[in-house]
Amino acid sequence: MNSRISIKKKVKVIVNGRWEESFEDYYNCWCTPKELYGKELYEAQHAKYENVLVFKVRYCNKIKDMRTTDKNKFIVAFDKVEYAVYQVDFKANSKDYVYIKAKMVI
């Protein structure tokens, strides 16, 4: 774990009588960013996912809650770039590490 990320959650708030979407800080943690490789890389390219990173983070209740809520509500801020979360992978329900797969927001 050598990099710091900030996970943000999309929320809707009423401003001047209108709904507006914004992102609020959800969780900050250390991670190991990785690139896709092998079969996962080819599947992502086939699904038109480019610029995908995998963030390996330690298991905790906040990360566990990301599985039960809508994954499209989260973004990861890493190295001044935002990534939209599309999968939270627990690798056979392991309670050691979780892999957050996210694609770059362009």
N, C-alpha and C. Protein backbone atom coordinates (compact mmCIF):
# COMPACT_ATOMS: atom_id res chain seq x y z
N MET A 1 0.85 -1.17 0.00
CA MET A 1 0.00 0.00 0.00
C MET A 1 0.90 1.24 0.00
N ASN A 2 0.97 1.86 -1.16
CA ASN A 2 1.90 2.96 -1.28
C ASN A 2 1.30 4.24 -1.86
N SER A 3 0.01 4.24 -2.13
CA SER A 3 -0.65 5.42 -2.70
C SER A 3 -1.91 5.74 -1.91
N ARG A 4 -2.26 7.01 -1.91
CA ARG A 4 -3.45 7.46 -1.18
C ARG A 4 -4.57 7.74 -2.18
N ILE A 5 -5.77 7.26 -1.88
CA ILE A 5 -6.94 7.54 -2.71
C ILE A 5 -8.05 8.13 -1.85
N SER A 6 -8.94 8.81 -2.52
CA SER A 6 -10.13 9.35 -1.87
C SER A 6 -11.34 8.81 -2.61
N ILE A 7 -12.22 8.13 -1.89
CA ILE A 7 -13.44 7.60 -2.49
C ILE A 7 -14.56 8.58 -2.18
N LYS A 8 -15.28 8.97 -3.22
CA LYS A 8 -16.36 9.95 -3.06
C LYS A 8 -17.67 9.34 -3.50
N LYS A 9 -18.74 9.75 -2.83
CA LYS A 9 -20.07 9.23 -3.09
C LYS A 9 -20.95 10.32 -3.69
N LYS A 10 -21.72 9.95 -4.70
CA LYS A 10 -22.63 10.89 -5.34
C LYS A 10 -23.87 11.07 -4.47
N VAL A 11 -24.19 12.32 -4.20
CA VAL A 11 -25.39 12.63 -3.41
C VAL A 11 -26.20 13.67 -4.15
N LYS A 12 -27.50 13.67 -3.90
CA LYS A 12 -28.39 14.67 -4.48
C LYS A 12 -28.83 15.61 -3.37
N VAL A 13 -28.69 16.90 -3.62
CA VAL A 13 -29.09 17.91 -2.66
C VAL A 13 -30.00 18.91 -3.36
N ILE A 14 -30.85 19.56 -2.58
CA ILE A 14 -31.74 20.58 -3.14
C ILE A 14 -31.06 21.94 -2.97
N VAL A 15 -30.86 22.62 -4.10
CA VAL A 15 -30.27 23.96 -4.10
C VAL A 15 -31.22 24.86 -4.87
N ASN A 16 -31.72 25.87 -4.19
CA ASN A 16 -32.67 26.81 -4.79
C ASN A 16 -33.87 26.10 -5.41
N GLY A 17 -34.36 25.06 -4.74
CA GLY A 17 -35.54 24.35 -5.19
C GLY A 17 -35.30 23.34 -6.30
N ARG A 18 -34.04 23.10 -6.66
CA ARG A 18 -33.72 22.13 -7.71
C ARG A 18 -32.75 21.08 -7.18
N TRP A 19 -32.90 19.88 -7.69
CA TRP A 19 -32.00 18.80 -7.32
C TRP A 19 -30.68 18.98 -8.06
N GLU A 20 -29.59 18.88 -7.34
CA GLU A 20 -28.26 18.93 -7.94
C GLU A 20 -27.44 17.77 -7.40
N GLU A 21 -26.65 17.17 -8.30
CA GLU A 21 -25.78 16.08 -7.90
C GLU A 21 -24.40 16.64 -7.56
N SER A 22 -23.85 16.13 -6.48
CA SER A 22 -22.49 16.51 -6.11
C SER A 22 -21.82 15.29 -5.46
N PHE A 23 -20.53 15.39 -5.27
CA PHE A 23 -19.78 14.30 -4.65
C PHE A 23 -19.27 14.75 -3.29
N GLU A 24 -19.48 13.91 -2.30
CA GLU A 24 -18.96 14.21 -0.96
C GLU A 24 -17.97 13.11 -0.58
N ASP A 25 -17.01 13.47 0.25
CA ASP A 25 -16.01 12.49 0.68
C ASP A 25 -16.68 11.35 1.42
N TYR A 26 -16.32 10.13 1.03
CA TYR A 26 -16.87 8.94 1.65
C TYR A 26 -15.82 8.23 2.50
N TYR A 27 -14.60 8.06 1.93
CA TYR A 27 -13.57 7.32 2.62
C TYR A 27 -12.22 7.62 1.99
N ASN A 28 -11.19 7.80 2.81
CA ASN A 28 -9.82 7.97 2.34
C ASN A 28 -8.99 6.80 2.85
N CYS A 29 -8.17 6.23 1.97
CA CYS A 29 -7.39 5.07 2.40
C CYS A 29 -6.14 4.91 1.55
N TRP A 30 -5.29 4.00 1.97
CA TRP A 30 -4.09 3.64 1.23
C TRP A 30 -4.44 2.50 0.28
N CYS A 31 -3.75 2.45 -0.85
CA CYS A 31 -4.02 1.40 -1.83
C CYS A 31 -2.77 1.07 -2.62
N THR A 32 -2.89 0.02 -3.41
CA THR A 32 -1.89 -0.33 -4.40
C THR A 32 -2.59 -0.31 -5.75
N PRO A 33 -2.31 0.70 -6.59
CA PRO A 33 -2.95 0.73 -7.91
C PRO A 33 -2.31 -0.28 -8.85
N LYS A 34 -3.14 -0.96 -9.62
CA LYS A 34 -2.67 -1.98 -10.56
C LYS A 34 -3.39 -1.80 -11.89
N GLU A 35 -2.78 -2.30 -12.93
CA GLU A 35 -3.41 -2.29 -14.25
C GLU A 35 -4.04 -3.66 -14.47
N LEU A 36 -5.03 -3.71 -15.34
CA LEU A 36 -5.60 -5.00 -15.72
C LEU A 36 -4.60 -5.76 -16.57
N TYR A 37 -4.67 -7.08 -16.51
CA TYR A 37 -3.79 -7.89 -17.34
C TYR A 37 -4.50 -9.20 -17.67
N GLY A 38 -4.03 -9.84 -18.72
CA GLY A 38 -4.55 -11.15 -19.11
C GLY A 38 -6.00 -11.09 -19.55
N LYS A 39 -6.76 -12.05 -19.06
CA LYS A 39 -8.17 -12.20 -19.46
C LYS A 39 -9.00 -10.96 -19.10
N GLU A 40 -8.74 -10.37 -17.92
CA GLU A 40 -9.49 -9.18 -17.51
C GLU A 40 -9.27 -8.02 -18.47
N LEU A 41 -8.04 -7.86 -18.95
CA LEU A 41 -7.73 -6.78 -19.87
C LEU A 41 -8.50 -6.94 -21.17
N TYR A 42 -8.52 -8.15 -21.71
CA TYR A 42 -9.22 -8.39 -22.97
C TYR A 42 -10.74 -8.23 -22.82
N GLU A 43 -11.27 -8.65 -21.68
CA GLU A 43 -12.71 -8.48 -21.44
C GLU A 43 -13.06 -6.99 -21.31
N ALA A 44 -12.20 -6.22 -20.67
CA ALA A 44 -12.46 -4.78 -20.52
C ALA A 44 -12.38 -4.09 -21.88
N GLN A 45 -11.43 -4.47 -22.71
CA GLN A 45 -11.33 -3.87 -24.04
C GLN A 45 -12.53 -4.24 -24.89
N HIS A 46 -13.00 -5.46 -24.75
CA HIS A 46 -14.17 -5.91 -25.50
C HIS A 46 -15.42 -5.13 -25.08
N ALA A 47 -15.50 -4.77 -23.81
CA ALA A 47 -16.65 -4.00 -23.29
C ALA A 47 -16.43 -2.50 -23.45
N LYS A 48 -15.39 -2.10 -24.20
CA LYS A 48 -15.08 -0.69 -24.47
C LYS A 48 -14.67 0.08 -23.21
N TYR A 49 -14.09 -0.62 -22.24
CA TYR A 49 -13.54 0.06 -21.06
C TYR A 49 -12.06 0.29 -21.31
N GLU A 50 -11.69 1.57 -21.42
CA GLU A 50 -10.29 1.92 -21.59
C GLU A 50 -9.85 2.72 -20.37
N ASN A 51 -8.57 2.76 -20.15
CA ASN A 51 -8.01 3.48 -19.00
C ASN A 51 -8.59 2.98 -17.69
N VAL A 52 -8.52 1.68 -17.48
CA VAL A 52 -9.06 1.06 -16.28
C VAL A 52 -7.93 0.78 -15.29
N LEU A 53 -8.16 1.09 -14.03
CA LEU A 53 -7.22 0.76 -12.97
C LEU A 53 -7.93 -0.09 -11.92
N VAL A 54 -7.14 -0.90 -11.23
CA VAL A 54 -7.65 -1.70 -10.12
C VAL A 54 -6.93 -1.21 -8.87
N PHE A 55 -7.70 -0.88 -7.85
CA PHE A 55 -7.13 -0.39 -6.59
C PHE A 55 -7.28 -1.49 -5.54
N LYS A 56 -6.16 -1.97 -5.04
CA LYS A 56 -6.17 -3.00 -4.00
C LYS A 56 -6.16 -2.28 -2.65
N VAL A 57 -7.25 -2.44 -1.89
CA VAL A 57 -7.39 -1.78 -0.58
C VAL A 57 -7.68 -2.84 0.49
N ARG A 58 -7.45 -2.46 1.72
CA ARG A 58 -7.76 -3.37 2.82
C ARG A 58 -9.27 -3.39 3.08
N TYR A 59 -9.75 -4.54 3.50
CA TYR A 59 -11.17 -4.73 3.80
C TYR A 59 -11.54 -3.91 5.03
N CYS A 60 -12.69 -3.24 4.97
CA CYS A 60 -13.25 -2.56 6.14
C CYS A 60 -14.75 -2.41 5.91
N ASN A 61 -15.47 -1.96 6.90
CA ASN A 61 -16.93 -1.85 6.79
C ASN A 61 -17.36 -0.84 5.73
N LYS A 62 -16.63 0.26 5.58
CA LYS A 62 -16.99 1.24 4.55
C LYS A 62 -16.87 0.64 3.15
N ILE A 63 -15.82 -0.14 2.92
CA ILE A 63 -15.64 -0.79 1.63
C ILE A 63 -16.70 -1.88 1.46
N LYS A 64 -17.02 -2.58 2.53
CA LYS A 64 -18.06 -3.61 2.47
C LYS A 64 -19.40 -3.00 2.07
N ASP A 65 -19.70 -1.82 2.59
CA ASP A 65 -20.96 -1.14 2.26
C ASP A 65 -21.03 -0.72 0.79
N MET A 66 -19.89 -0.56 0.15
CA MET A 66 -19.88 -0.22 -1.28
C MET A 66 -20.46 -1.34 -2.12
N ARG A 67 -20.37 -2.56 -1.63
CA ARG A 67 -20.92 -3.71 -2.36
C ARG A 67 -22.44 -3.69 -2.35
N THR A 68 -23.03 -3.28 -1.24
CA THR A 68 -24.49 -3.34 -1.11
C THR A 68 -25.20 -2.14 -1.71
N THR A 69 -24.50 -1.02 -1.88
CA THR A 69 -25.12 0.14 -2.52
C THR A 69 -24.82 0.11 -4.01
N ASP A 70 -25.41 1.03 -4.71
CA ASP A 70 -25.20 1.13 -6.15
C ASP A 70 -23.76 1.57 -6.43
N LYS A 71 -23.00 0.73 -7.13
CA LYS A 71 -21.60 1.03 -7.38
C LYS A 71 -21.41 2.27 -8.25
N ASN A 72 -22.40 2.61 -9.05
CA ASN A 72 -22.29 3.77 -9.93
C ASN A 72 -22.31 5.09 -9.16
N LYS A 73 -22.53 5.03 -7.87
CA LYS A 73 -22.57 6.24 -7.06
C LYS A 73 -21.20 6.65 -6.53
N PHE A 74 -20.16 5.89 -6.85
CA PHE A 74 -18.84 6.15 -6.29
C PHE A 74 -17.82 6.51 -7.35
N ILE A 75 -16.91 7.41 -7.00
CA ILE A 75 -15.75 7.68 -7.83
C ILE A 75 -14.52 7.61 -6.93
N VAL A 76 -13.38 7.33 -7.54
CA VAL A 76 -12.11 7.28 -6.83
C VAL A 76 -11.24 8.39 -7.38
N ALA A 77 -10.72 9.23 -6.50
CA ALA A 77 -9.79 10.28 -6.90
C ALA A 77 -8.38 9.79 -6.59
N PHE A 78 -7.57 9.66 -7.66
CA PHE A 78 -6.20 9.17 -7.51
C PHE A 78 -5.30 9.98 -8.44
N ASP A 79 -4.28 10.57 -7.89
CA ASP A 79 -3.29 11.31 -8.69
C ASP A 79 -3.95 12.44 -9.49
N LYS A 80 -4.90 13.12 -8.89
CA LYS A 80 -5.64 14.23 -9.50
C LYS A 80 -6.47 13.81 -10.72
N VAL A 81 -6.80 12.54 -10.80
CA VAL A 81 -7.65 12.00 -11.87
C VAL A 81 -8.80 11.25 -11.21
N GLU A 82 -10.00 11.36 -11.78
CA GLU A 82 -11.17 10.67 -11.22
C GLU A 82 -11.48 9.41 -12.02
N TYR A 83 -11.85 8.36 -11.30
CA TYR A 83 -12.20 7.08 -11.89
C TYR A 83 -13.58 6.67 -11.38
N ALA A 84 -14.45 6.24 -12.29
CA ALA A 84 -15.79 5.79 -11.93
C ALA A 84 -15.75 4.31 -11.57
N VAL A 85 -16.22 3.95 -10.40
CA VAL A 85 -16.20 2.56 -9.94
C VAL A 85 -17.25 1.76 -10.70
N TYR A 86 -16.84 0.62 -11.24
CA TYR A 86 -17.81 -0.26 -11.89
C TYR A 86 -17.86 -1.64 -11.26
N GLN A 87 -16.91 -2.00 -10.39
CA GLN A 87 -16.98 -3.28 -9.71
C GLN A 87 -16.17 -3.23 -8.42
N VAL A 88 -16.72 -3.84 -7.38
CA VAL A 88 -16.01 -4.02 -6.12
C VAL A 88 -15.87 -5.52 -5.93
N ASP A 89 -14.64 -6.02 -6.03
CA ASP A 89 -14.38 -7.46 -6.07
C ASP A 89 -13.78 -7.92 -4.74
N PHE A 90 -14.45 -8.86 -4.09
CA PHE A 90 -14.00 -9.36 -2.79
C PHE A 90 -13.19 -10.64 -2.88
N LYS A 91 -12.92 -11.13 -4.09
CA LYS A 91 -12.09 -12.33 -4.32
C LYS A 91 -12.46 -13.47 -3.36
N ALA A 92 -13.56 -14.12 -3.65
CA ALA A 92 -14.05 -15.28 -2.89
C ALA A 92 -14.36 -14.91 -1.43
N ASN A 93 -14.95 -13.74 -1.24
CA ASN A 93 -15.34 -13.25 0.09
C ASN A 93 -14.18 -13.17 1.08
N SER A 94 -13.01 -12.87 0.56
CA SER A 94 -11.84 -12.69 1.41
C SER A 94 -12.02 -11.44 2.26
N LYS A 95 -11.64 -11.49 3.49
CA LYS A 95 -11.75 -10.32 4.36
C LYS A 95 -10.38 -9.70 4.62
N ASP A 96 -9.47 -9.90 3.67
CA ASP A 96 -8.15 -9.28 3.76
C ASP A 96 -8.05 -8.07 2.84
N TYR A 97 -8.24 -8.32 1.55
CA TYR A 97 -8.11 -7.25 0.56
C TYR A 97 -9.33 -7.23 -0.35
N VAL A 98 -9.63 -6.04 -0.86
CA VAL A 98 -10.72 -5.84 -1.80
C VAL A 98 -10.14 -5.13 -3.02
N TYR A 99 -10.62 -5.51 -4.20
CA TYR A 99 -10.14 -4.90 -5.44
C TYR A 99 -11.26 -4.04 -6.02
N ILE A 100 -11.00 -2.74 -6.11
CA ILE A 100 -11.98 -1.81 -6.67
C ILE A 100 -11.57 -1.52 -8.11
N LYS A 101 -12.44 -1.90 -9.03
CA LYS A 101 -12.15 -1.69 -10.45
C LYS A 101 -12.88 -0.43 -10.90
N ALA A 102 -12.13 0.45 -11.55
CA ALA A 102 -12.69 1.74 -11.94
C ALA A 102 -12.11 2.18 -13.28
N LYS A 103 -12.94 2.90 -14.05
CA LYS A 103 -12.48 3.42 -15.34
C LYS A 103 -12.37 4.94 -15.25
N MET A 104 -11.42 5.48 -16.00
CA MET A 104 -11.15 6.92 -15.96
C MET A 104 -12.35 7.71 -16.49
N VAL A 105 -12.66 8.79 -15.79
CA VAL A 105 -13.73 9.69 -16.21
C VAL A 105 -13.11 10.70 -17.17
N ILE A 106 -13.63 10.72 -18.38
CA ILE A 106 -13.05 11.63 -19.40
C ILE A 106 -14.00 12.79 -19.63
